[in-house]
Amino acid sequence: MAYAPVAPDPRVMVDGEVWTQIPTLDGAGPDDTVFTPDHESGEVRFGDGVHGSVPPEGTRLTVSYTSGPRAGYMDFVRAMKEADPDIRVCSSYQGDAFLEAIGDDPAFDCQVSHPSTPGSSPP
């Protein structure tokens, strides 16, 4: 997961099939479709064929996750707004659920479209 740290419940799919998150691969069987995430680095670990299944070569891996939190983010926003009261801080995440979640949070003044397409890589 490219934008670590990562919130606790990523959703990992192998060719559209949802695999199960477990705390450790040690007790997994060879056919168990499981993974373990490293929330700090964003790395997803699959089994080795003995402890958990190995995704077949050439399969499509998809992950859906929430990135963050980012230490110091609000302090940075406040400092920017103190330096320039006209500055606008925008979120690239959109939708009613996001607007409801942030409520009156002063961290965001607007939303912008920031599409991500299959095969693109983060900066």
N, C-alpha and C. Protein backbone atom coordinates (compact mmCIF):
# COMPACT_ATOMS: atom_id res chain seq x y z
N MET A 1 0.86 -1.15 0.00
CA MET A 1 0.00 0.00 0.00
C MET A 1 0.91 1.22 0.00
N ALA A 2 0.79 2.01 -1.01
CA ALA A 2 1.76 3.06 -1.28
C ALA A 2 1.75 4.22 -0.30
N TYR A 3 0.63 4.48 0.36
CA TYR A 3 0.54 5.66 1.20
C TYR A 3 0.43 5.29 2.67
N ALA A 4 1.50 4.73 3.21
CA ALA A 4 1.56 4.35 4.63
C ALA A 4 1.78 5.60 5.47
N PRO A 5 1.41 5.59 6.74
CA PRO A 5 0.83 4.47 7.48
C PRO A 5 -0.60 4.18 7.02
N VAL A 6 -1.07 2.98 7.38
CA VAL A 6 -2.34 2.48 6.91
C VAL A 6 -3.25 2.17 8.10
N ALA A 7 -4.52 2.53 7.98
CA ALA A 7 -5.51 2.22 9.02
C ALA A 7 -5.68 0.70 9.15
N PRO A 8 -6.26 0.24 10.24
CA PRO A 8 -6.26 -1.19 10.59
C PRO A 8 -6.91 -2.18 9.63
N ASP A 9 -7.87 -1.79 8.81
CA ASP A 9 -8.62 -2.80 8.06
C ASP A 9 -8.54 -2.67 6.54
N PRO A 10 -7.38 -2.92 5.95
CA PRO A 10 -7.33 -2.90 4.49
C PRO A 10 -8.11 -4.08 3.92
N ARG A 11 -8.62 -3.91 2.72
CA ARG A 11 -9.32 -4.98 2.01
C ARG A 11 -8.44 -5.39 0.84
N VAL A 12 -8.02 -6.66 0.84
CA VAL A 12 -7.13 -7.18 -0.19
C VAL A 12 -7.89 -8.20 -1.03
N MET A 13 -7.80 -8.04 -2.36
CA MET A 13 -8.44 -8.97 -3.27
C MET A 13 -7.42 -9.52 -4.25
N VAL A 14 -7.54 -10.81 -4.52
CA VAL A 14 -6.70 -11.48 -5.51
C VAL A 14 -7.65 -11.95 -6.61
N ASP A 15 -7.49 -11.37 -7.79
CA ASP A 15 -8.41 -11.63 -8.91
C ASP A 15 -9.87 -11.49 -8.50
N GLY A 16 -10.16 -10.46 -7.71
CA GLY A 16 -11.53 -10.16 -7.30
C GLY A 16 -12.02 -10.91 -6.08
N GLU A 17 -11.26 -11.90 -5.60
CA GLU A 17 -11.64 -12.65 -4.40
C GLU A 17 -11.04 -11.98 -3.17
N VAL A 18 -11.89 -11.70 -2.18
CA VAL A 18 -11.42 -11.05 -0.95
C VAL A 18 -10.67 -12.08 -0.11
N TRP A 19 -9.44 -11.73 0.28
CA TRP A 19 -8.65 -12.57 1.18
C TRP A 19 -8.82 -12.04 2.60
N THR A 20 -8.54 -12.88 3.58
CA THR A 20 -8.78 -12.57 4.98
C THR A 20 -7.51 -12.07 5.67
N GLN A 21 -7.65 -10.96 6.39
CA GLN A 21 -6.54 -10.44 7.19
C GLN A 21 -6.43 -11.25 8.47
N ILE A 22 -5.21 -11.66 8.80
CA ILE A 22 -4.94 -12.35 10.07
C ILE A 22 -3.71 -11.71 10.71
N PRO A 23 -3.55 -11.87 12.03
CA PRO A 23 -2.42 -11.21 12.71
C PRO A 23 -1.06 -11.80 12.37
N THR A 24 -1.01 -13.11 12.09
CA THR A 24 0.26 -13.76 11.75
C THR A 24 -0.03 -14.93 10.83
N LEU A 25 0.90 -15.22 9.94
CA LEU A 25 0.74 -16.34 9.01
C LEU A 25 1.14 -17.67 9.63
N ASP A 26 1.71 -17.65 10.82
CA ASP A 26 2.25 -18.87 11.44
C ASP A 26 1.27 -20.03 11.51
N GLY A 27 -0.01 -19.79 11.83
CA GLY A 27 -0.97 -20.87 11.98
C GLY A 27 -1.80 -21.15 10.75
N ALA A 28 -1.53 -20.46 9.65
CA ALA A 28 -2.33 -20.63 8.44
C ALA A 28 -1.94 -21.90 7.70
N GLY A 29 -2.95 -22.53 7.08
CA GLY A 29 -2.70 -23.71 6.27
C GLY A 29 -2.29 -23.33 4.86
N PRO A 30 -1.78 -24.27 4.08
CA PRO A 30 -1.26 -23.96 2.74
C PRO A 30 -2.30 -23.44 1.76
N ASP A 31 -3.58 -23.74 1.98
CA ASP A 31 -4.62 -23.29 1.07
C ASP A 31 -5.42 -22.10 1.61
N ASP A 32 -5.05 -21.60 2.78
CA ASP A 32 -5.76 -20.47 3.37
C ASP A 32 -5.46 -19.19 2.61
N THR A 33 -6.50 -18.52 2.14
CA THR A 33 -6.33 -17.27 1.39
C THR A 33 -6.32 -16.11 2.39
N VAL A 34 -5.15 -15.86 2.92
CA VAL A 34 -4.96 -14.89 4.01
C VAL A 34 -3.76 -13.98 3.72
N PHE A 35 -3.70 -12.89 4.47
CA PHE A 35 -2.58 -11.96 4.36
C PHE A 35 -2.39 -11.27 5.70
N THR A 36 -1.23 -10.67 5.87
CA THR A 36 -0.97 -9.82 7.03
C THR A 36 -0.45 -8.49 6.51
N PRO A 37 -0.99 -7.39 7.00
CA PRO A 37 -0.48 -6.08 6.59
C PRO A 37 0.50 -5.53 7.62
N ASP A 38 1.47 -4.78 7.15
CA ASP A 38 2.32 -4.00 8.03
C ASP A 38 1.79 -2.57 7.94
N HIS A 39 1.11 -2.13 8.97
CA HIS A 39 0.43 -0.83 8.94
C HIS A 39 1.39 0.34 8.83
N GLU A 40 2.58 0.20 9.36
CA GLU A 40 3.55 1.30 9.31
C GLU A 40 4.20 1.45 7.93
N SER A 41 4.58 0.33 7.30
CA SER A 41 5.26 0.39 6.01
C SER A 41 4.30 0.30 4.83
N GLY A 42 3.10 -0.27 5.05
CA GLY A 42 2.16 -0.48 3.96
C GLY A 42 2.35 -1.80 3.23
N GLU A 43 3.32 -2.59 3.66
CA GLU A 43 3.59 -3.87 3.00
C GLU A 43 2.49 -4.88 3.31
N VAL A 44 2.09 -5.65 2.30
CA VAL A 44 1.14 -6.74 2.46
C VAL A 44 1.92 -8.04 2.29
N ARG A 45 1.78 -8.94 3.27
CA ARG A 45 2.49 -10.22 3.21
C ARG A 45 1.48 -11.34 2.96
N PHE A 46 1.79 -12.17 1.97
CA PHE A 46 0.99 -13.34 1.68
C PHE A 46 1.75 -14.56 2.18
N GLY A 47 1.10 -15.72 2.11
CA GLY A 47 1.73 -16.94 2.57
C GLY A 47 2.86 -17.40 1.67
N ASP A 48 3.49 -18.50 2.10
CA ASP A 48 4.61 -19.08 1.36
C ASP A 48 4.27 -20.45 0.79
N GLY A 49 2.98 -20.84 0.85
CA GLY A 49 2.57 -22.16 0.39
C GLY A 49 2.53 -23.20 1.49
N VAL A 50 3.18 -22.90 2.61
CA VAL A 50 3.12 -23.76 3.79
C VAL A 50 2.24 -23.08 4.84
N HIS A 51 2.53 -21.83 5.09
CA HIS A 51 1.75 -21.00 6.02
C HIS A 51 1.02 -19.95 5.19
N GLY A 52 -0.14 -20.30 4.68
CA GLY A 52 -0.92 -19.40 3.84
C GLY A 52 -0.65 -19.62 2.37
N SER A 53 -1.65 -19.35 1.57
CA SER A 53 -1.57 -19.53 0.13
C SER A 53 -0.72 -18.43 -0.52
N VAL A 54 -0.13 -18.76 -1.66
CA VAL A 54 0.62 -17.81 -2.47
C VAL A 54 -0.28 -17.40 -3.64
N PRO A 55 -0.50 -16.11 -3.84
CA PRO A 55 -1.29 -15.71 -5.01
C PRO A 55 -0.62 -16.22 -6.29
N PRO A 56 -1.38 -16.84 -7.17
CA PRO A 56 -0.78 -17.35 -8.41
C PRO A 56 -0.13 -16.24 -9.23
N GLU A 57 0.93 -16.58 -9.92
CA GLU A 57 1.63 -15.61 -10.76
C GLU A 57 0.67 -15.08 -11.82
N GLY A 58 0.73 -13.78 -12.04
CA GLY A 58 -0.09 -13.15 -13.06
C GLY A 58 -1.47 -12.72 -12.59
N THR A 59 -1.79 -12.96 -11.31
CA THR A 59 -3.10 -12.54 -10.81
C THR A 59 -3.11 -11.04 -10.55
N ARG A 60 -4.31 -10.51 -10.54
CA ARG A 60 -4.46 -9.08 -10.27
C ARG A 60 -4.69 -8.89 -8.77
N LEU A 61 -3.81 -8.12 -8.15
CA LEU A 61 -3.93 -7.80 -6.72
C LEU A 61 -4.51 -6.40 -6.59
N THR A 62 -5.55 -6.28 -5.76
CA THR A 62 -6.20 -5.00 -5.53
C THR A 62 -6.32 -4.79 -4.04
N VAL A 63 -6.08 -3.57 -3.59
CA VAL A 63 -6.22 -3.28 -2.17
C VAL A 63 -6.96 -1.96 -2.00
N SER A 64 -7.85 -1.95 -1.03
CA SER A 64 -8.57 -0.74 -0.67
C SER A 64 -8.24 -0.46 0.79
N TYR A 65 -7.81 0.76 1.09
CA TYR A 65 -7.37 1.06 2.45
C TYR A 65 -7.47 2.55 2.73
N THR A 66 -7.39 2.88 4.00
CA THR A 66 -7.37 4.26 4.43
C THR A 66 -5.95 4.59 4.87
N SER A 67 -5.43 5.66 4.34
CA SER A 67 -4.08 6.11 4.69
C SER A 67 -4.15 7.08 5.85
N GLY A 68 -3.15 6.99 6.72
CA GLY A 68 -3.07 7.95 7.82
C GLY A 68 -3.24 7.29 9.17
N PRO A 69 -3.23 7.99 10.22
CA PRO A 69 -3.14 9.45 10.30
C PRO A 69 -1.71 9.95 10.09
N ARG A 70 -1.61 11.19 9.80
CA ARG A 70 -0.32 11.83 9.57
C ARG A 70 0.02 12.72 10.77
N ALA A 71 1.06 12.36 11.47
CA ALA A 71 1.48 13.14 12.64
C ALA A 71 1.87 14.55 12.20
N GLY A 72 1.37 15.54 12.92
CA GLY A 72 1.74 16.92 12.66
C GLY A 72 0.96 17.60 11.56
N TYR A 73 0.03 16.90 10.93
CA TYR A 73 -0.70 17.49 9.80
C TYR A 73 -1.47 18.76 10.22
N MET A 74 -2.24 18.67 11.30
CA MET A 74 -3.04 19.82 11.72
C MET A 74 -2.15 20.99 12.13
N ASP A 75 -1.02 20.71 12.76
CA ASP A 75 -0.09 21.78 13.11
C ASP A 75 0.41 22.48 11.85
N PHE A 76 0.69 21.70 10.82
CA PHE A 76 1.17 22.26 9.55
C PHE A 76 0.09 23.12 8.91
N VAL A 77 -1.16 22.64 8.90
CA VAL A 77 -2.27 23.42 8.33
C VAL A 77 -2.42 24.74 9.08
N ARG A 78 -2.41 24.69 10.40
CA ARG A 78 -2.55 25.92 11.20
C ARG A 78 -1.43 26.91 10.89
N ALA A 79 -0.20 26.41 10.78
CA ALA A 79 0.95 27.28 10.49
C ALA A 79 0.81 27.92 9.11
N MET A 80 0.34 27.14 8.13
CA MET A 80 0.15 27.70 6.78
C MET A 80 -0.91 28.80 6.81
N LYS A 81 -1.99 28.57 7.52
CA LYS A 81 -3.07 29.55 7.57
C LYS A 81 -2.67 30.79 8.38
N GLU A 82 -1.80 30.64 9.36
CA GLU A 82 -1.28 31.80 10.09
C GLU A 82 -0.38 32.63 9.18
N ALA A 83 0.43 31.95 8.36
CA ALA A 83 1.33 32.65 7.46
C ALA A 83 0.56 33.34 6.33
N ASP A 84 -0.53 32.73 5.88
CA ASP A 84 -1.33 33.30 4.80
C ASP A 84 -2.79 32.94 5.05
N PRO A 85 -3.56 33.85 5.64
CA PRO A 85 -4.96 33.55 5.97
C PRO A 85 -5.83 33.22 4.75
N ASP A 86 -5.37 33.58 3.56
CA ASP A 86 -6.15 33.31 2.35
C ASP A 86 -5.87 31.94 1.75
N ILE A 87 -4.91 31.22 2.32
CA ILE A 87 -4.55 29.92 1.75
C ILE A 87 -5.73 28.95 1.91
N ARG A 88 -5.91 28.10 0.91
CA ARG A 88 -6.98 27.11 0.96
C ARG A 88 -6.35 25.72 0.94
N VAL A 89 -6.78 24.89 1.87
CA VAL A 89 -6.30 23.51 1.98
C VAL A 89 -7.42 22.61 1.46
N CYS A 90 -7.12 21.85 0.42
CA CYS A 90 -8.15 21.03 -0.23
C CYS A 90 -7.87 19.54 -0.01
N SER A 91 -8.92 18.78 -0.05
CA SER A 91 -8.82 17.32 0.01
C SER A 91 -9.10 16.76 -1.37
N SER A 92 -8.41 15.69 -1.73
CA SER A 92 -8.71 15.04 -3.00
C SER A 92 -9.70 13.90 -2.79
N TYR A 93 -10.06 13.63 -1.54
CA TYR A 93 -11.08 12.63 -1.26
C TYR A 93 -12.44 13.32 -1.32
N GLN A 94 -13.39 12.69 -2.00
CA GLN A 94 -14.68 13.35 -2.21
C GLN A 94 -15.84 12.47 -1.78
N GLY A 95 -16.98 13.07 -1.68
CA GLY A 95 -18.20 12.31 -1.41
C GLY A 95 -18.87 12.72 -0.12
N ASP A 96 -20.14 12.36 -0.04
CA ASP A 96 -20.94 12.72 1.13
C ASP A 96 -20.38 12.14 2.42
N ALA A 97 -19.92 10.87 2.37
CA ALA A 97 -19.38 10.24 3.58
C ALA A 97 -18.17 11.01 4.10
N PHE A 98 -17.32 11.50 3.20
CA PHE A 98 -16.15 12.27 3.61
C PHE A 98 -16.59 13.59 4.23
N LEU A 99 -17.52 14.28 3.59
CA LEU A 99 -17.98 15.57 4.11
C LEU A 99 -18.60 15.40 5.49
N GLU A 100 -19.34 14.32 5.69
CA GLU A 100 -19.93 14.06 6.99
C GLU A 100 -18.85 13.76 8.03
N ALA A 101 -17.83 13.00 7.63
CA ALA A 101 -16.76 12.61 8.55
C ALA A 101 -15.95 13.82 9.03
N ILE A 102 -15.67 14.78 8.13
CA ILE A 102 -14.84 15.91 8.55
C ILE A 102 -15.66 16.99 9.25
N GLY A 103 -16.97 17.03 9.00
CA GLY A 103 -17.81 18.02 9.67
C GLY A 103 -17.28 19.42 9.50
N ASP A 104 -17.03 20.11 10.60
CA ASP A 104 -16.52 21.48 10.56
C ASP A 104 -15.00 21.53 10.73
N ASP A 105 -14.33 20.43 10.43
CA ASP A 105 -12.87 20.35 10.58
C ASP A 105 -12.21 21.47 9.78
N PRO A 106 -11.42 22.31 10.45
CA PRO A 106 -10.78 23.43 9.75
C PRO A 106 -9.64 23.01 8.84
N ALA A 107 -9.34 21.72 8.77
CA ALA A 107 -8.21 21.28 7.95
C ALA A 107 -8.51 21.36 6.46
N PHE A 108 -9.79 21.37 6.07
CA PHE A 108 -10.12 21.34 4.66
C PHE A 108 -11.08 22.46 4.30
N ASP A 109 -10.73 23.20 3.25
CA ASP A 109 -11.57 24.29 2.77
C ASP A 109 -12.31 23.92 1.49
N CYS A 110 -11.85 22.88 0.83
CA CYS A 110 -12.43 22.54 -0.46
C CYS A 110 -12.06 21.10 -0.84
N GLN A 111 -12.68 20.64 -1.93
CA GLN A 111 -12.38 19.32 -2.49
C GLN A 111 -11.93 19.51 -3.92
N VAL A 112 -11.00 18.66 -4.34
CA VAL A 112 -10.53 18.68 -5.73
C VAL A 112 -10.54 17.26 -6.26
N SER A 113 -10.69 17.12 -7.55
CA SER A 113 -10.68 15.80 -8.17
C SER A 113 -9.24 15.38 -8.40
N HIS A 114 -8.92 14.19 -7.97
CA HIS A 114 -7.56 13.66 -8.12
C HIS A 114 -7.69 12.18 -8.49
N PRO A 115 -7.95 11.90 -9.77
CA PRO A 115 -8.20 10.51 -10.16
C PRO A 115 -6.95 9.64 -10.07
N SER A 116 -7.19 8.39 -9.76
CA SER A 116 -6.13 7.39 -9.74
C SER A 116 -6.57 6.29 -10.68
N THR A 117 -5.71 5.92 -11.59
CA THR A 117 -6.09 4.92 -12.59
C THR A 117 -5.27 3.65 -12.42
N PRO A 118 -5.84 2.51 -12.83
CA PRO A 118 -5.06 1.26 -12.74
C PRO A 118 -3.73 1.38 -13.47
N GLY A 119 -2.70 0.90 -12.84
CA GLY A 119 -1.37 0.95 -13.44
C GLY A 119 -0.59 2.21 -13.13
N SER A 120 -1.24 3.20 -12.51
CA SER A 120 -0.51 4.41 -12.14
C SER A 120 0.23 4.13 -10.84
N SER A 121 1.29 4.84 -10.63
CA SER A 121 2.05 4.65 -9.40
C SER A 121 2.15 5.98 -8.67
N PRO A 122 2.22 5.91 -7.35
CA PRO A 122 2.31 7.16 -6.58
C PRO A 122 3.64 7.84 -6.81
N PRO A 123 3.69 9.14 -6.51
CA PRO A 123 4.96 9.89 -6.69
C PRO A 123 6.05 9.37 -5.77
